[in-house]
Structure formats: C-alpha cells, structure tokens
C-alpha cells in the first residue's frame, strides 16, 4: 500500500519530480539507497529488499531512468511457488525493459520514469495495462492512477496539485505531508500509514524524493525512526 506522487512536466527539457513512500513489514529487512547490484546491474542504485534481492525503488543515472513498484491486488489463483519477486521488475525497468505481456509476479503498479516520459504499468494477475501520464501532478497507490476510490488520493491529490510542482528541496510537497500527518496513521486517508487495521502487516518505513531530467537523476532517501510516524527531517541522504 505504498504511495507515489509525481509531477510530469510540460516539456522534456524539465525534470520529473516525485516522492515515493514505502509501506512494508518492519521485520522484513532492507538496505538503504546504494549500488547493491554491481554485477547484475552495474550503475544501478536503489533500495534493496534483502529477502528477495530486488529493488523497491531504483535508478540508473546514466540512462536517466527511475522505477518504483507498488503492490496491487492480485486476482489470479497462482500458488506462491509459481510467482517471482516484484523487485526484479524495477531493475529490469531501469535497464530499459518494461514488464512482459504476462508478468510472472503478483499484482503491481510499476511507475517508470525515463527520457520518453512517465508511464505506469499495472498488472492484476489477469491483465496487463500501461498508461502514459499526461503533464500534471498525479498520485498512485494500490488501485488506478489518480483513483478517487482510494481514500488518501481523494483526500490529498487536489492539495498536491494546488501546491504545484516542487522545487529542489521538495518543501511544497513535504508541507502537504506535514498536513497529512495530522491524521492517525490508521486513518484510511493517511499517507504515512499503519495498514494493520486493514489486514496488512505493513507500516510506512521510508521515503525517497527524486528528480529525473536532462541533467541526470538525483535521489534522496530517508528512513523513519518509528514505523508509521512522520518525520520530516528523515529525508536527506543523496
């Protein structure tokens, strides 16, 4: 139940900017932003899931590509031993390879940023869809892009749009996250979340800000000291 907010510019000469919030089981270990795949994916930097070895978010600065994966409901009946990790999708994406027509993973929304623009590839276990995002500010979670049926999107999309595309330090969007943090993390409208009341053993653990443009890729990473509790000054390490 992660969340991504992305600003798609009018011109390819301007950068794409995004914030991604990761929700995961706090007991599932991960490694912060780094070059964890030197042999298989030289040049890639990202947030690594230690259990499966893939990435939640990763970027290739030379290719000017970034990708982040969000879980989505899986409608298939495939057993666990027939599926592969979603984290491999991110690493393949930044190498320029989008998910195949019939992915072998559970359901996902994959946000792909590159020189050609921003796309979201969605897979529900039965059908693959791909949507090119128009210029503007968008939110993605576990359903469709800008889906008002998702409470946090309905509550905050207009507020992010009113704030406009963020500048270098993302202060405009971090201020919106400050506002959202006034809600309980167990409120369905919250962005920094505790998803346990909804049947998922996940909480918001970390966030990244990213700028992807003609000059390359800049990513900043921050882990929250307490899962599900907003900490604005967590974001920092480039």
C-alpha atoms as a PDB file:
ATOM      1  CA  UNK A   1       0.000   0.000   0.000  1.00  0.00           C
ATOM      2  CA  UNK A   2       2.824   2.373  -0.899  1.00  0.00           C
ATOM      3  CA  UNK A   3       2.169   5.859  -2.286  1.00  0.00           C
ATOM      4  CA  UNK A   4       3.806   7.798  -5.129  1.00  0.00           C
ATOM      5  CA  UNK A   5       3.218  11.457  -6.020  1.00  0.00           C
ATOM      6  CA  UNK A   6       4.706  12.528  -9.341  1.00  0.00           C
ATOM      7  CA  UNK A   7       4.880  15.818 -11.244  1.00  0.00           C
ATOM      8  CA  UNK A   8       5.114  15.309 -15.013  1.00  0.00           C
ATOM      9  CA  UNK A   9       6.405  18.457 -16.775  1.00  0.00           C
ATOM     10  CA  UNK A  10       5.071  20.000 -19.958  1.00  0.00           C
ATOM     11  CA  UNK A  11       8.473  19.824 -21.648  1.00  0.00           C
ATOM     12  CA  UNK A  12      11.105  17.066 -21.783  1.00  0.00           C
ATOM     13  CA  UNK A  13      13.636  19.789 -21.013  1.00  0.00           C
ATOM     14  CA  UNK A  14      12.178  19.991 -17.494  1.00  0.00           C
ATOM     15  CA  UNK A  15      12.678  17.323 -14.814  1.00  0.00           C
ATOM     16  CA  UNK A  16      10.160  14.826 -13.496  1.00  0.00           C
ATOM     17  CA  UNK A  17       9.859  15.086  -9.722  1.00  0.00           C
ATOM     18  CA  UNK A  18       8.385  12.513  -7.369  1.00  0.00           C
ATOM     19  CA  UNK A  19       8.015  11.390  -3.794  1.00  0.00           C
ATOM     20  CA  UNK A  20       7.633   7.692  -3.024  1.00  0.00           C
ATOM     21  CA  UNK A  21       6.582   6.360   0.400  1.00  0.00           C
ATOM     22  CA  UNK A  22       7.264   2.693   1.111  1.00  0.00           C
ATOM     23  CA  UNK A  23       4.901   0.610   3.243  1.00  0.00           C
ATOM     24  CA  UNK A  24       6.308  -2.754   4.311  1.00  0.00           C
ATOM     25  CA  UNK A  25       6.522  -5.188   7.216  1.00  0.00           C
ATOM     26  CA  UNK A  26       9.076  -3.647   9.621  1.00  0.00           C
ATOM     27  CA  UNK A  27      10.519  -7.121  10.204  1.00  0.00           C
ATOM     28  CA  UNK A  28      11.367  -7.537   6.511  1.00  0.00           C
ATOM     29  CA  UNK A  29      14.939  -6.260   6.280  1.00  0.00           C
ATOM     30  CA  UNK A  30      16.107  -3.880   3.586  1.00  0.00           C
ATOM     31  CA  UNK A  31      19.190  -1.905   2.595  1.00  0.00           C
ATOM     32  CA  UNK A  32      19.014   1.841   2.081  1.00  0.00           C
ATOM     33  CA  UNK A  33      19.885   3.663  -1.121  1.00  0.00           C
ATOM     34  CA  UNK A  34      23.034   2.187  -2.627  1.00  0.00           C
ATOM     35  CA  UNK A  35      24.735   0.326  -5.520  1.00  0.00           C
ATOM     36  CA  UNK A  36      23.686  -3.168  -4.434  1.00  0.00           C
ATOM     37  CA  UNK A  37      23.651  -4.877  -7.847  1.00  0.00           C
ATOM     38  CA  UNK A  38      27.129  -4.149  -9.232  1.00  0.00           C
ATOM     39  CA  UNK A  39      27.462  -7.483 -11.029  1.00  0.00           C
ATOM     40  CA  UNK A  40      23.949  -7.919 -12.436  1.00  0.00           C
ATOM     41  CA  UNK A  41      23.007  -4.261 -12.937  1.00  0.00           C
ATOM     42  CA  UNK A  42      26.109  -2.044 -12.979  1.00  0.00           C
ATOM     43  CA  UNK A  43      25.261   1.596 -12.490  1.00  0.00           C
ATOM     44  CA  UNK A  44      22.007   0.908 -10.630  1.00  0.00           C
ATOM     45  CA  UNK A  45      21.379   2.474  -7.232  1.00  0.00           C
ATOM     46  CA  UNK A  46      18.331   1.787  -5.131  1.00  0.00           C
ATOM     47  CA  UNK A  47      16.603   0.452  -2.040  1.00  0.00           C
ATOM     48  CA  UNK A  48      17.178  -3.326  -1.822  1.00  0.00           C
ATOM     49  CA  UNK A  49      14.894  -5.926  -0.314  1.00  0.00           C
ATOM     50  CA  UNK A  50      17.268  -8.334   1.415  1.00  0.00           C
ATOM     51  CA  UNK A  51      14.914 -11.315   1.353  1.00  0.00           C
ATOM     52  CA  UNK A  52      14.288 -11.408  -2.398  1.00  0.00           C
ATOM     53  CA  UNK A  53      17.265  -9.347  -3.581  1.00  0.00           C
ATOM     54  CA  UNK A  54      15.264  -6.996  -5.801  1.00  0.00           C
ATOM     55  CA  UNK A  55      14.548  -3.280  -5.529  1.00  0.00           C
ATOM     56  CA  UNK A  56      11.560  -1.302  -4.295  1.00  0.00           C
ATOM     57  CA  UNK A  57      12.909   1.845  -5.993  1.00  0.00           C
ATOM     58  CA  UNK A  58      15.982   2.109  -8.189  1.00  0.00           C
ATOM     59  CA  UNK A  59      17.592   4.466 -10.679  1.00  0.00           C
ATOM     60  CA  UNK A  60      20.234   4.352 -13.390  1.00  0.00           C
ATOM     61  CA  UNK A  61      21.686   7.870 -13.639  1.00  0.00           C
ATOM     62  CA  UNK A  62      23.464   7.235 -16.953  1.00  0.00           C
ATOM     63  CA  UNK A  63      20.270   6.053 -18.610  1.00  0.00           C
ATOM     64  CA  UNK A  64      18.263   8.772 -16.809  1.00  0.00           C
ATOM     65  CA  UNK A  65      15.765   6.169 -15.648  1.00  0.00           C
ATOM     66  CA  UNK A  66      13.998   5.503 -12.367  1.00  0.00           C
ATOM     67  CA  UNK A  67      11.342   2.983 -11.365  1.00  0.00           C
ATOM     68  CA  UNK A  68       9.368   2.186  -8.227  1.00  0.00           C
ATOM     69  CA  UNK A  69       6.948  -0.679  -7.632  1.00  0.00           C
ATOM     70  CA  UNK A  70       3.733  -0.637  -5.592  1.00  0.00           C
ATOM     71  CA  UNK A  71       1.719  -3.709  -4.659  1.00  0.00           C
ATOM     72  CA  UNK A  72      -1.701  -4.163  -6.265  1.00  0.00           C
ATOM     73  CA  UNK A  73      -4.408  -6.745  -5.625  1.00  0.00           C
ATOM     74  CA  UNK A  74      -3.702  -9.993  -7.466  1.00  0.00           C
ATOM     75  CA  UNK A  75      -6.764 -11.654  -8.983  1.00  0.00           C
ATOM     76  CA  UNK A  76      -5.011 -14.791 -10.176  1.00  0.00           C
ATOM     77  CA  UNK A  77      -5.175 -18.192  -8.494  1.00  0.00           C
ATOM     78  CA  UNK A  78      -1.478 -18.954  -8.978  1.00  0.00           C
ATOM     79  CA  UNK A  79       0.270 -20.559  -5.982  1.00  0.00           C
ATOM     80  CA  UNK A  80       3.240 -18.835  -4.389  1.00  0.00           C
ATOM     81  CA  UNK A  81       5.745 -21.254  -5.904  1.00  0.00           C
ATOM     82  CA  UNK A  82       4.768 -20.069  -9.396  1.00  0.00           C
ATOM     83  CA  UNK A  83       5.431 -16.352  -8.883  1.00  0.00           C
ATOM     84  CA  UNK A  84       8.605 -14.279  -8.954  1.00  0.00           C
ATOM     85  CA  UNK A  85       9.610 -11.194  -6.985  1.00  0.00           C
ATOM     86  CA  UNK A  86       8.255  -7.792  -7.998  1.00  0.00           C
ATOM     87  CA  UNK A  87      11.629  -6.261  -7.156  1.00  0.00           C
ATOM     88  CA  UNK A  88      13.137  -7.684 -10.348  1.00  0.00           C
ATOM     89  CA  UNK A  89      10.706  -5.531 -12.362  1.00  0.00           C
ATOM     90  CA  UNK A  90      12.310  -2.343 -11.065  1.00  0.00           C
ATOM     91  CA  UNK A  91      15.830  -3.376 -12.032  1.00  0.00           C
ATOM     92  CA  UNK A  92      14.714  -4.519 -15.473  1.00  0.00           C
ATOM     93  CA  UNK A  93      12.805  -1.274 -15.975  1.00  0.00           C
ATOM     94  CA  UNK A  94      15.791   0.988 -15.347  1.00  0.00           C
ATOM     95  CA  UNK A  95      17.713  -1.126 -17.853  1.00  0.00           C
ATOM     96  CA  UNK A  96      15.064  -0.138 -20.414  1.00  0.00           C
ATOM     97  CA  UNK A  97      12.962  -3.307 -20.280  1.00  0.00           C
ATOM     98  CA  UNK A  98       9.306  -2.898 -19.240  1.00  0.00           C
ATOM     99  CA  UNK A  99       7.361  -5.870 -17.840  1.00  0.00           C
ATOM    100  CA  UNK A 100       6.398  -8.524 -20.355  1.00  0.00           C
ATOM    101  CA  UNK A 101       2.850  -9.089 -21.577  1.00  0.00           C
ATOM    102  CA  UNK A 102       2.172 -11.720 -18.904  1.00  0.00           C
ATOM    103  CA  UNK A 103       4.330 -10.931 -15.859  1.00  0.00           C
ATOM    104  CA  UNK A 104       5.186 -13.794 -13.510  1.00  0.00           C
ATOM    105  CA  UNK A 105       4.703 -11.729 -10.334  1.00  0.00           C
ATOM    106  CA  UNK A 106       1.795 -10.890  -8.084  1.00  0.00           C
ATOM    107  CA  UNK A 107      -0.173  -7.730  -8.901  1.00  0.00           C
ATOM    108  CA  UNK A 108       1.641  -4.412  -9.099  1.00  0.00           C
ATOM    109  CA  UNK A 109       1.706  -0.822 -10.265  1.00  0.00           C
ATOM    110  CA  UNK A 110       5.137  -0.012 -11.698  1.00  0.00           C
ATOM    111  CA  UNK A 111       5.972   3.668 -12.122  1.00  0.00           C
ATOM    112  CA  UNK A 112       8.576   4.090 -14.884  1.00  0.00           C
ATOM    113  CA  UNK A 113      10.401   7.378 -15.467  1.00  0.00           C
ATOM    114  CA  UNK A 114      12.711   7.889 -18.428  1.00  0.00           C
ATOM    115  CA  UNK A 115      13.700  10.257 -21.230  1.00  0.00           C
ATOM    116  CA  UNK A 116      10.487   9.373 -23.067  1.00  0.00           C
ATOM    117  CA  UNK A 117       8.222  10.383 -20.152  1.00  0.00           C
ATOM    118  CA  UNK A 118       6.392   8.710 -17.268  1.00  0.00           C
ATOM    119  CA  UNK A 119       4.317   5.547 -17.535  1.00  0.00           C
ATOM    120  CA  UNK A 120       2.517   3.274 -15.093  1.00  0.00           C
ATOM    121  CA  UNK A 121       2.380  -0.427 -15.926  1.00  0.00           C
ATOM    122  CA  UNK A 122      -0.381  -2.211 -13.998  1.00  0.00           C
ATOM    123  CA  UNK A 123      -0.847  -5.956 -13.548  1.00  0.00           C
ATOM    124  CA  UNK A 124      -3.673  -7.560 -11.547  1.00  0.00           C
ATOM    125  CA  UNK A 125      -2.682 -11.162 -12.204  1.00  0.00           C
ATOM    126  CA  UNK A 126      -5.021 -11.391 -15.193  1.00  0.00           C
ATOM    127  CA  UNK A 127      -4.395  -8.392 -17.456  1.00  0.00           C
ATOM    128  CA  UNK A 128      -1.501  -6.001 -18.087  1.00  0.00           C
ATOM    129  CA  UNK A 129      -2.230  -2.331 -18.780  1.00  0.00           C
ATOM    130  CA  UNK A 130       0.066   0.589 -19.483  1.00  0.00           C
ATOM    131  CA  UNK A 131      -0.775   4.280 -19.093  1.00  0.00           C
ATOM    132  CA  UNK A 132       1.357   7.210 -20.203  1.00  0.00           C
ATOM    133  CA  UNK A 133       0.912  10.043 -17.714  1.00  0.00           C
ATOM    134  CA  UNK A 134      -0.076  13.435 -19.074  1.00  0.00           C
ATOM    135  CA  UNK A 135       1.647  16.594 -17.802  1.00  0.00           C
ATOM    136  CA  UNK A 136       0.455  17.462 -14.328  1.00  0.00           C
ATOM    137  CA  UNK A 137       0.544  16.063 -10.806  1.00  0.00           C
ATOM    138  CA  UNK A 138      -0.610  12.504 -10.177  1.00  0.00           C
ATOM    139  CA  UNK A 139      -0.928  10.052  -7.278  1.00  0.00           C
ATOM    140  CA  UNK A 140      -0.574   6.279  -7.449  1.00  0.00           C
ATOM    141  CA  UNK A 141      -1.272   3.741  -4.720  1.00  0.00           C
ATOM    142  CA  UNK A 142      -2.767   0.226  -4.886  1.00  0.00           C
ATOM    143  CA  UNK A 143      -5.512   0.963  -7.446  1.00  0.00           C
ATOM    144  CA  UNK A 144      -5.536   3.069 -10.636  1.00  0.00           C
ATOM    145  CA  UNK A 145      -3.710   6.355 -11.232  1.00  0.00           C
ATOM    146  CA  UNK A 146      -5.496   9.296  -9.562  1.00  0.00           C
ATOM    147  CA  UNK A 147      -8.171   6.836  -8.389  1.00  0.00           C
ATOM    148  CA  UNK A 148     -10.603   8.736  -6.164  1.00  0.00           C
ATOM    149  CA  UNK A 149     -11.802   5.412  -4.716  1.00  0.00           C
ATOM    150  CA  UNK A 150      -8.511   5.355  -2.806  1.00  0.00           C
ATOM    151  CA  UNK A 151      -9.148   7.463   0.282  1.00  0.00           C
ATOM    152  CA  UNK A 152      -5.686   9.035   0.509  1.00  0.00           C
ATOM    153  CA  UNK A 153      -5.791  10.043  -3.165  1.00  0.00           C
ATOM    154  CA  UNK A 154      -9.238  11.569  -2.776  1.00  0.00           C
ATOM    155  CA  UNK A 155      -8.084  13.424   0.331  1.00  0.00           C
ATOM    156  CA  UNK A 156      -4.744  14.794  -0.917  1.00  0.00           C
ATOM    157  CA  UNK A 157      -4.467  14.823  -4.712  1.00  0.00           C
ATOM    158  CA  UNK A 158      -6.030  18.266  -5.050  1.00  0.00           C
ATOM    159  CA  UNK A 159      -3.822  19.572  -2.259  1.00  0.00           C
ATOM    160  CA  UNK A 160      -0.653  18.384  -4.006  1.00  0.00           C
ATOM    161  CA  UNK A 161      -1.899  19.898  -7.254  1.00  0.00           C
ATOM    162  CA  UNK A 162      -2.573  23.203  -5.531  1.00  0.00           C
ATOM    163  CA  UNK A 163       0.973  23.155  -4.118  1.00  0.00           C
ATOM    164  CA  UNK A 164       2.321  22.805  -7.657  1.00  0.00           C
ATOM    165  CA  UNK A 165       5.475  21.062  -8.858  1.00  0.00           C
ATOM    166  CA  UNK A 166       8.027  21.100  -6.031  1.00  0.00           C
ATOM    167  CA  UNK A 167      11.330  22.928  -6.175  1.00  0.00           C
ATOM    168  CA  UNK A 168      14.695  21.406  -5.353  1.00  0.00           C
ATOM    169  CA  UNK A 169      14.118  20.595  -1.680  1.00  0.00           C
ATOM    170  CA  UNK A 170      10.504  19.417  -2.168  1.00  0.00           C
ATOM    171  CA  UNK A 171       9.370  21.791   0.574  1.00  0.00           C
ATOM    172  CA  UNK A 172       5.967  22.333  -1.081  1.00  0.00           C
ATOM    173  CA  UNK A 173       5.108  18.635  -1.010  1.00  0.00           C
ATOM    174  CA  UNK A 174       6.729  17.962   2.353  1.00  0.00           C
ATOM    175  CA  UNK A 175       4.405  20.647   3.744  1.00  0.00           C
ATOM    176  CA  UNK A 176       1.439  18.632   2.428  1.00  0.00           C
ATOM    177  CA  UNK A 177       2.831  15.550   4.147  1.00  0.00           C
ATOM    178  CA  UNK A 178       3.038  17.633   7.327  1.00  0.00           C
ATOM    179  CA  UNK A 179      -0.688  18.325   6.967  1.00  0.00           C
ATOM    180  CA  UNK A 180      -1.492  14.693   6.249  1.00  0.00           C
ATOM    181  CA  UNK A 181       0.466  13.612   9.331  1.00  0.00           C
ATOM    182  CA  UNK A 182      -2.194  15.261  11.500  1.00  0.00           C
ATOM    183  CA  UNK A 183      -4.320  12.213  10.696  1.00  0.00           C
ATOM    184  CA  UNK A 184      -3.898   8.961  12.579  1.00  0.00           C
ATOM    185  CA  UNK A 185      -1.686   6.555  10.603  1.00  0.00           C
ATOM    186  CA  UNK A 186      -4.612   4.144  10.858  1.00  0.00           C
ATOM    187  CA  UNK A 187      -6.928   6.604   9.095  1.00  0.00           C
ATOM    188  CA  UNK A 188      -7.692   5.369   5.582  1.00  0.00           C
ATOM    189  CA  UNK A 189      -6.846   8.881   4.291  1.00  0.00           C
ATOM    190  CA  UNK A 190      -3.333   8.880   5.784  1.00  0.00           C
ATOM    191  CA  UNK A 191      -0.238   8.855   3.569  1.00  0.00           C
ATOM    192  CA  UNK A 192       2.186   7.871   6.342  1.00  0.00           C
ATOM    193  CA  UNK A 193       0.360   4.713   7.314  1.00  0.00           C
ATOM    194  CA  UNK A 194      -0.280   1.835   9.679  1.00  0.00           C
ATOM    195  CA  UNK A 195      -2.077  -0.685   7.481  1.00  0.00           C
ATOM    196  CA  UNK A 196      -2.642  -3.348  10.135  1.00  0.00           C
ATOM    197  CA  UNK A 197      -6.321  -2.461  10.690  1.00  0.00           C
ATOM    198  CA  UNK A 198      -6.889  -3.229   7.003  1.00  0.00           C
ATOM    199  CA  UNK A 199      -5.404  -6.720   7.214  1.00  0.00           C
ATOM    200  CA  UNK A 200      -1.843  -5.920   6.095  1.00  0.00           C
ATOM    201  CA  UNK A 201       1.153  -6.168   8.449  1.00  0.00           C
ATOM    202  CA  UNK A 202       2.775  -3.113   6.914  1.00  0.00           C
ATOM    203  CA  UNK A 203       3.598   0.416   8.019  1.00  0.00           C
ATOM    204  CA  UNK A 204       5.290   3.357   6.309  1.00  0.00           C
ATOM    205  CA  UNK A 205       9.013   2.828   6.816  1.00  0.00           C
ATOM    206  CA  UNK A 206      10.843   5.203   4.473  1.00  0.00           C
ATOM    207  CA  UNK A 207      10.514   7.659   1.631  1.00  0.00           C
ATOM    208  CA  UNK A 208      12.537   8.873  -1.328  1.00  0.00           C
ATOM    209  CA  UNK A 209      12.419  12.073  -3.310  1.00  0.00           C
ATOM    210  CA  UNK A 210      13.698  12.015  -6.874  1.00  0.00           C
ATOM    211  CA  UNK A 211      14.379  14.387  -9.730  1.00  0.00           C
ATOM    212  CA  UNK A 212      14.854  12.831 -13.178  1.00  0.00           C
ATOM    213  CA  UNK A 213      15.728  15.103 -16.089  1.00  0.00           C
ATOM    214  CA  UNK A 214      18.159  16.018 -18.860  1.00  0.00           C
ATOM    215  CA  UNK A 215      20.944  16.551 -16.324  1.00  0.00           C
ATOM    216  CA  UNK A 216      20.584  13.078 -14.793  1.00  0.00           C
ATOM    217  CA  UNK A 217      18.971  11.610 -11.690  1.00  0.00           C
ATOM    218  CA  UNK A 218      19.062  12.843  -8.102  1.00  0.00           C
ATOM    219  CA  UNK A 219      17.545  10.694  -5.362  1.00  0.00           C
ATOM    220  CA  UNK A 220      17.315  11.418  -1.646  1.00  0.00           C
ATOM    221  CA  UNK A 221      16.440   8.747   0.914  1.00  0.00           C
ATOM    222  CA  UNK A 222      15.133   8.830   4.449  1.00  0.00           C
ATOM    223  CA  UNK A 223      14.079   6.077   6.875  1.00  0.00           C
ATOM    224  CA  UNK A 224      11.524   6.895   9.564  1.00  0.00           C
ATOM    225  CA  UNK A 225      12.785   6.368  13.127  1.00  0.00           C
ATOM    226  CA  UNK A 226       9.398   4.919  14.086  1.00  0.00           C
ATOM    227  CA  UNK A 227       7.334   2.977  11.545  1.00  0.00           C
ATOM    228  CA  UNK A 228       4.138   4.793  10.639  1.00  0.00           C
ATOM    229  CA  UNK A 229       5.200   8.064  12.296  1.00  0.00           C
ATOM    230  CA  UNK A 230       6.017  11.051  10.066  1.00  0.00           C
ATOM    231  CA  UNK A 231       9.464  12.565  10.487  1.00  0.00           C
ATOM    232  CA  UNK A 232      10.084  15.415   8.059  1.00  0.00           C
ATOM    233  CA  UNK A 233      13.810  15.670   8.664  1.00  0.00           C
ATOM    234  CA  UNK A 234      14.347  11.971   7.873  1.00  0.00           C
ATOM    235  CA  UNK A 235      14.852  12.766   4.207  1.00  0.00           C
ATOM    236  CA  UNK A 236      18.402  13.725   3.485  1.00  0.00           C
ATOM    237  CA  UNK A 237      20.999  11.284   2.178  1.00  0.00           C
ATOM    238  CA  UNK A 238      21.702  11.724  -1.534  1.00  0.00           C
END
